[in-house]
Amino acid sequence: MLTPKLLEILRSYWKVRRPVAWLFPGDRAGEPITRDAVRHACAKAHDLSGLSKPVTPHSLRHAFAVHLLEAGADVRTIQLLLGSRHHRP
């Protein structure tokens, strides 16, 4: 579900950084980026953007789900894509 532009950016990032275990490694060797680091990146992006609405991992997740729903995706597919823990089989 990556746009061609985002895929190009991620490939360029990978070529430069060459991460071994995680595409976005954390500060600790062998560990992924932390939730706090992602929240911090969102807060920084919000400050730089000048947007009045919040930019948080939750708001991005919600916007993604809404866009999928508006594009005609069914709720079960959205649950699977979001990795919802509260879905029924």
N, C-alpha and C. Protein backbone atom coordinates (compact mmCIF):
# COMPACT_ATOMS: atom_id res chain seq x y z
N MET A 1 0.81 -1.18 0.00
CA MET A 1 0.00 0.00 0.00
C MET A 1 0.86 1.25 0.00
N LEU A 2 2.10 1.13 -0.45
CA LEU A 2 2.97 2.29 -0.52
C LEU A 2 2.82 2.97 -1.87
N THR A 3 2.84 4.28 -1.85
CA THR A 3 2.83 5.01 -3.11
C THR A 3 4.18 4.82 -3.78
N PRO A 4 4.26 4.97 -5.08
CA PRO A 4 5.56 4.85 -5.76
C PRO A 4 6.60 5.82 -5.19
N LYS A 5 6.17 7.05 -4.85
CA LYS A 5 7.10 8.04 -4.29
C LYS A 5 7.62 7.60 -2.93
N LEU A 6 6.73 7.11 -2.06
CA LEU A 6 7.16 6.65 -0.74
C LEU A 6 8.08 5.45 -0.87
N LEU A 7 7.78 4.54 -1.77
CA LEU A 7 8.64 3.38 -1.98
C LEU A 7 10.03 3.83 -2.43
N GLU A 8 10.09 4.82 -3.30
CA GLU A 8 11.37 5.37 -3.76
C GLU A 8 12.16 5.97 -2.59
N ILE A 9 11.46 6.72 -1.74
CA ILE A 9 12.11 7.33 -0.56
C ILE A 9 12.63 6.26 0.39
N LEU A 10 11.82 5.23 0.66
CA LEU A 10 12.25 4.15 1.56
C LEU A 10 13.42 3.37 0.99
N ARG A 11 13.42 3.15 -0.32
CA ARG A 11 14.56 2.46 -0.95
C ARG A 11 15.83 3.28 -0.84
N SER A 12 15.72 4.58 -1.04
CA SER A 12 16.88 5.46 -0.91
C SER A 12 17.41 5.44 0.52
N TYR A 13 16.50 5.51 1.48
CA TYR A 13 16.86 5.44 2.89
C TYR A 13 17.60 4.13 3.18
N TRP A 14 17.07 3.03 2.69
CA TRP A 14 17.68 1.73 2.94
C TRP A 14 19.09 1.66 2.34
N LYS A 15 19.25 2.19 1.13
CA LYS A 15 20.56 2.16 0.48
C LYS A 15 21.61 2.94 1.27
N VAL A 16 21.19 4.03 1.89
CA VAL A 16 22.12 4.85 2.67
C VAL A 16 22.37 4.25 4.04
N ARG A 17 21.31 3.86 4.75
CA ARG A 17 21.43 3.38 6.13
C ARG A 17 21.75 1.90 6.26
N ARG A 18 21.32 1.10 5.30
CA ARG A 18 21.52 -0.36 5.33
C ARG A 18 21.17 -0.99 6.68
N PRO A 19 19.95 -0.75 7.17
CA PRO A 19 19.57 -1.35 8.45
C PRO A 19 19.59 -2.88 8.36
N VAL A 20 20.00 -3.51 9.43
CA VAL A 20 20.15 -4.97 9.43
C VAL A 20 18.88 -5.68 9.89
N ALA A 21 18.46 -5.41 11.11
CA ALA A 21 17.32 -6.14 11.68
C ALA A 21 15.99 -5.41 11.48
N TRP A 22 16.01 -4.10 11.54
CA TRP A 22 14.78 -3.30 11.49
C TRP A 22 14.95 -2.19 10.46
N LEU A 23 13.89 -1.91 9.72
CA LEU A 23 13.95 -0.81 8.76
C LEU A 23 14.18 0.51 9.49
N PHE A 24 13.54 0.65 10.65
CA PHE A 24 13.72 1.83 11.48
C PHE A 24 14.24 1.39 12.85
N PRO A 25 15.56 1.23 12.96
CA PRO A 25 16.12 0.76 14.23
C PRO A 25 16.03 1.83 15.31
N GLY A 26 16.03 1.35 16.55
CA GLY A 26 15.99 2.25 17.69
C GLY A 26 17.39 2.63 18.14
N ASP A 27 17.45 3.30 19.28
CA ASP A 27 18.74 3.71 19.83
C ASP A 27 19.53 2.53 20.37
N ARG A 28 18.84 1.49 20.80
CA ARG A 28 19.51 0.30 21.32
C ARG A 28 19.77 -0.66 20.17
N ALA A 29 20.95 -1.20 20.13
CA ALA A 29 21.34 -2.13 19.06
C ALA A 29 20.39 -3.31 18.98
N GLY A 30 19.92 -3.62 17.76
CA GLY A 30 19.06 -4.77 17.56
C GLY A 30 17.61 -4.56 17.93
N GLU A 31 17.25 -3.35 18.36
CA GLU A 31 15.87 -3.05 18.77
C GLU A 31 15.22 -2.11 17.76
N PRO A 32 13.89 -2.22 17.60
CA PRO A 32 13.19 -1.30 16.68
C PRO A 32 13.02 0.08 17.32
N ILE A 33 12.62 1.04 16.51
CA ILE A 33 12.32 2.37 17.01
C ILE A 33 11.23 2.25 18.08
N THR A 34 11.30 3.09 19.08
CA THR A 34 10.33 3.01 20.19
C THR A 34 9.09 3.84 19.89
N ARG A 35 8.04 3.55 20.62
CA ARG A 35 6.81 4.33 20.50
C ARG A 35 7.06 5.79 20.86
N ASP A 36 7.88 6.01 21.89
CA ASP A 36 8.18 7.38 22.29
C ASP A 36 8.91 8.13 21.17
N ALA A 37 9.80 7.47 20.48
CA ALA A 37 10.52 8.10 19.39
C ALA A 37 9.57 8.46 18.25
N VAL A 38 8.60 7.60 17.98
CA VAL A 38 7.61 7.88 16.94
C VAL A 38 6.74 9.06 17.37
N ARG A 39 6.31 9.08 18.63
CA ARG A 39 5.51 10.20 19.14
C ARG A 39 6.29 11.51 19.05
N HIS A 40 7.57 11.45 19.37
CA HIS A 40 8.42 12.64 19.30
C HIS A 40 8.54 13.12 17.85
N ALA A 41 8.71 12.20 16.92
CA ALA A 41 8.80 12.57 15.49
C ALA A 41 7.50 13.21 15.01
N CYS A 42 6.37 12.68 15.46
CA CYS A 42 5.07 13.26 15.10
C CYS A 42 4.93 14.67 15.68
N ALA A 43 5.34 14.85 16.93
CA ALA A 43 5.26 16.17 17.56
C ALA A 43 6.15 17.18 16.82
N LYS A 44 7.32 16.74 16.43
CA LYS A 44 8.23 17.62 15.69
C LYS A 44 7.63 17.98 14.33
N ALA A 45 7.07 16.99 13.64
CA ALA A 45 6.44 17.24 12.34
C ALA A 45 5.26 18.20 12.51
N HIS A 46 4.50 18.04 13.59
CA HIS A 46 3.37 18.92 13.86
C HIS A 46 3.85 20.35 14.06
N ASP A 47 4.89 20.52 14.85
CA ASP A 47 5.43 21.86 15.10
C ASP A 47 5.92 22.52 13.81
N LEU A 48 6.58 21.74 12.97
CA LEU A 48 7.12 22.28 11.72
C LEU A 48 6.03 22.56 10.69
N SER A 49 4.93 21.82 10.77
CA SER A 49 3.88 21.93 9.76
C SER A 49 2.99 23.16 9.94
N GLY A 50 2.82 23.58 11.16
CA GLY A 50 1.92 24.68 11.43
C GLY A 50 0.45 24.26 11.40
N LEU A 51 0.18 22.97 11.36
CA LEU A 51 -1.19 22.48 11.35
C LEU A 51 -1.85 22.74 12.70
N SER A 52 -3.15 23.00 12.68
CA SER A 52 -3.86 23.21 13.93
C SER A 52 -4.36 21.88 14.51
N LYS A 53 -4.63 20.91 13.64
CA LYS A 53 -5.10 19.61 14.11
C LYS A 53 -3.91 18.78 14.62
N PRO A 54 -4.16 17.86 15.55
CA PRO A 54 -3.07 17.06 16.11
C PRO A 54 -2.43 16.13 15.07
N VAL A 55 -1.15 15.92 15.24
CA VAL A 55 -0.42 14.93 14.44
C VAL A 55 0.19 13.96 15.45
N THR A 56 -0.49 12.84 15.62
CA THR A 56 -0.05 11.81 16.56
C THR A 56 -0.12 10.47 15.84
N PRO A 57 0.56 9.46 16.36
CA PRO A 57 0.40 8.14 15.74
C PRO A 57 -1.07 7.73 15.65
N HIS A 58 -1.85 8.05 16.68
CA HIS A 58 -3.27 7.69 16.67
C HIS A 58 -4.03 8.45 15.59
N SER A 59 -3.77 9.75 15.45
CA SER A 59 -4.49 10.53 14.44
C SER A 59 -4.12 10.06 13.03
N LEU A 60 -2.86 9.67 12.82
CA LEU A 60 -2.45 9.15 11.51
C LEU A 60 -3.12 7.81 11.23
N ARG A 61 -3.18 6.98 12.25
CA ARG A 61 -3.86 5.67 12.11
C ARG A 61 -5.34 5.87 11.78
N HIS A 62 -5.96 6.80 12.49
CA HIS A 62 -7.38 7.08 12.26
C HIS A 62 -7.60 7.61 10.84
N ALA A 63 -6.76 8.54 10.40
CA ALA A 63 -6.90 9.11 9.06
C ALA A 63 -6.73 8.03 8.00
N PHE A 64 -5.77 7.13 8.20
CA PHE A 64 -5.55 6.02 7.27
C PHE A 64 -6.81 5.16 7.17
N ALA A 65 -7.40 4.84 8.32
CA ALA A 65 -8.60 4.01 8.33
C ALA A 65 -9.76 4.71 7.63
N VAL A 66 -9.91 6.01 7.87
CA VAL A 66 -11.00 6.76 7.24
C VAL A 66 -10.81 6.79 5.72
N HIS A 67 -9.58 7.03 5.27
CA HIS A 67 -9.31 7.06 3.83
C HIS A 67 -9.62 5.70 3.19
N LEU A 68 -9.25 4.63 3.87
CA LEU A 68 -9.56 3.30 3.35
C LEU A 68 -11.06 3.09 3.26
N LEU A 69 -11.77 3.47 4.32
CA LEU A 69 -13.23 3.32 4.34
C LEU A 69 -13.88 4.14 3.22
N GLU A 70 -13.42 5.37 3.06
CA GLU A 70 -13.98 6.23 2.01
C GLU A 70 -13.66 5.71 0.61
N ALA A 71 -12.56 4.95 0.49
CA ALA A 71 -12.18 4.37 -0.80
C ALA A 71 -12.91 3.06 -1.08
N GLY A 72 -13.75 2.63 -0.12
CA GLY A 72 -14.56 1.44 -0.34
C GLY A 72 -14.06 0.17 0.30
N ALA A 73 -13.00 0.25 1.11
CA ALA A 73 -12.51 -0.95 1.79
C ALA A 73 -13.53 -1.40 2.83
N ASP A 74 -13.64 -2.70 3.00
CA ASP A 74 -14.57 -3.21 4.02
C ASP A 74 -13.90 -3.16 5.39
N VAL A 75 -14.72 -3.13 6.42
CA VAL A 75 -14.23 -2.96 7.78
C VAL A 75 -13.26 -4.07 8.18
N ARG A 76 -13.53 -5.29 7.77
CA ARG A 76 -12.64 -6.41 8.12
C ARG A 76 -11.24 -6.21 7.53
N THR A 77 -11.17 -5.75 6.29
CA THR A 77 -9.88 -5.49 5.66
C THR A 77 -9.14 -4.39 6.41
N ILE A 78 -9.86 -3.35 6.79
CA ILE A 78 -9.25 -2.26 7.54
C ILE A 78 -8.72 -2.76 8.87
N GLN A 79 -9.48 -3.60 9.54
CA GLN A 79 -9.02 -4.18 10.81
C GLN A 79 -7.72 -4.96 10.61
N LEU A 80 -7.67 -5.75 9.55
CA LEU A 80 -6.48 -6.55 9.29
C LEU A 80 -5.28 -5.66 8.97
N LEU A 81 -5.49 -4.63 8.16
CA LEU A 81 -4.39 -3.73 7.80
C LEU A 81 -3.87 -2.95 9.00
N LEU A 82 -4.77 -2.61 9.90
CA LEU A 82 -4.36 -1.86 11.08
C LEU A 82 -3.85 -2.75 12.21
N GLY A 83 -4.03 -4.06 12.03
CA GLY A 83 -3.59 -4.96 13.09
C GLY A 83 -4.42 -4.83 14.34
N SER A 84 -5.71 -4.55 14.18
CA SER A 84 -6.59 -4.35 15.32
C SER A 84 -6.59 -5.58 16.23
N ARG A 85 -6.50 -5.33 17.50
CA ARG A 85 -6.54 -6.42 18.49
C ARG A 85 -7.97 -6.75 18.88
N HIS A 86 -8.90 -5.91 18.45
CA HIS A 86 -10.29 -6.08 18.87
C HIS A 86 -11.18 -6.47 17.70
N HIS A 87 -10.76 -7.44 16.95
CA HIS A 87 -11.57 -7.88 15.82
C HIS A 87 -12.05 -9.30 16.05
N ARG A 88 -13.11 -9.63 15.38
CA ARG A 88 -13.68 -10.97 15.50
C ARG A 88 -13.26 -11.78 14.31
N PRO A 89 -13.02 -13.09 14.50
CA PRO A 89 -12.62 -13.95 13.37
C PRO A 89 -13.73 -14.11 12.33
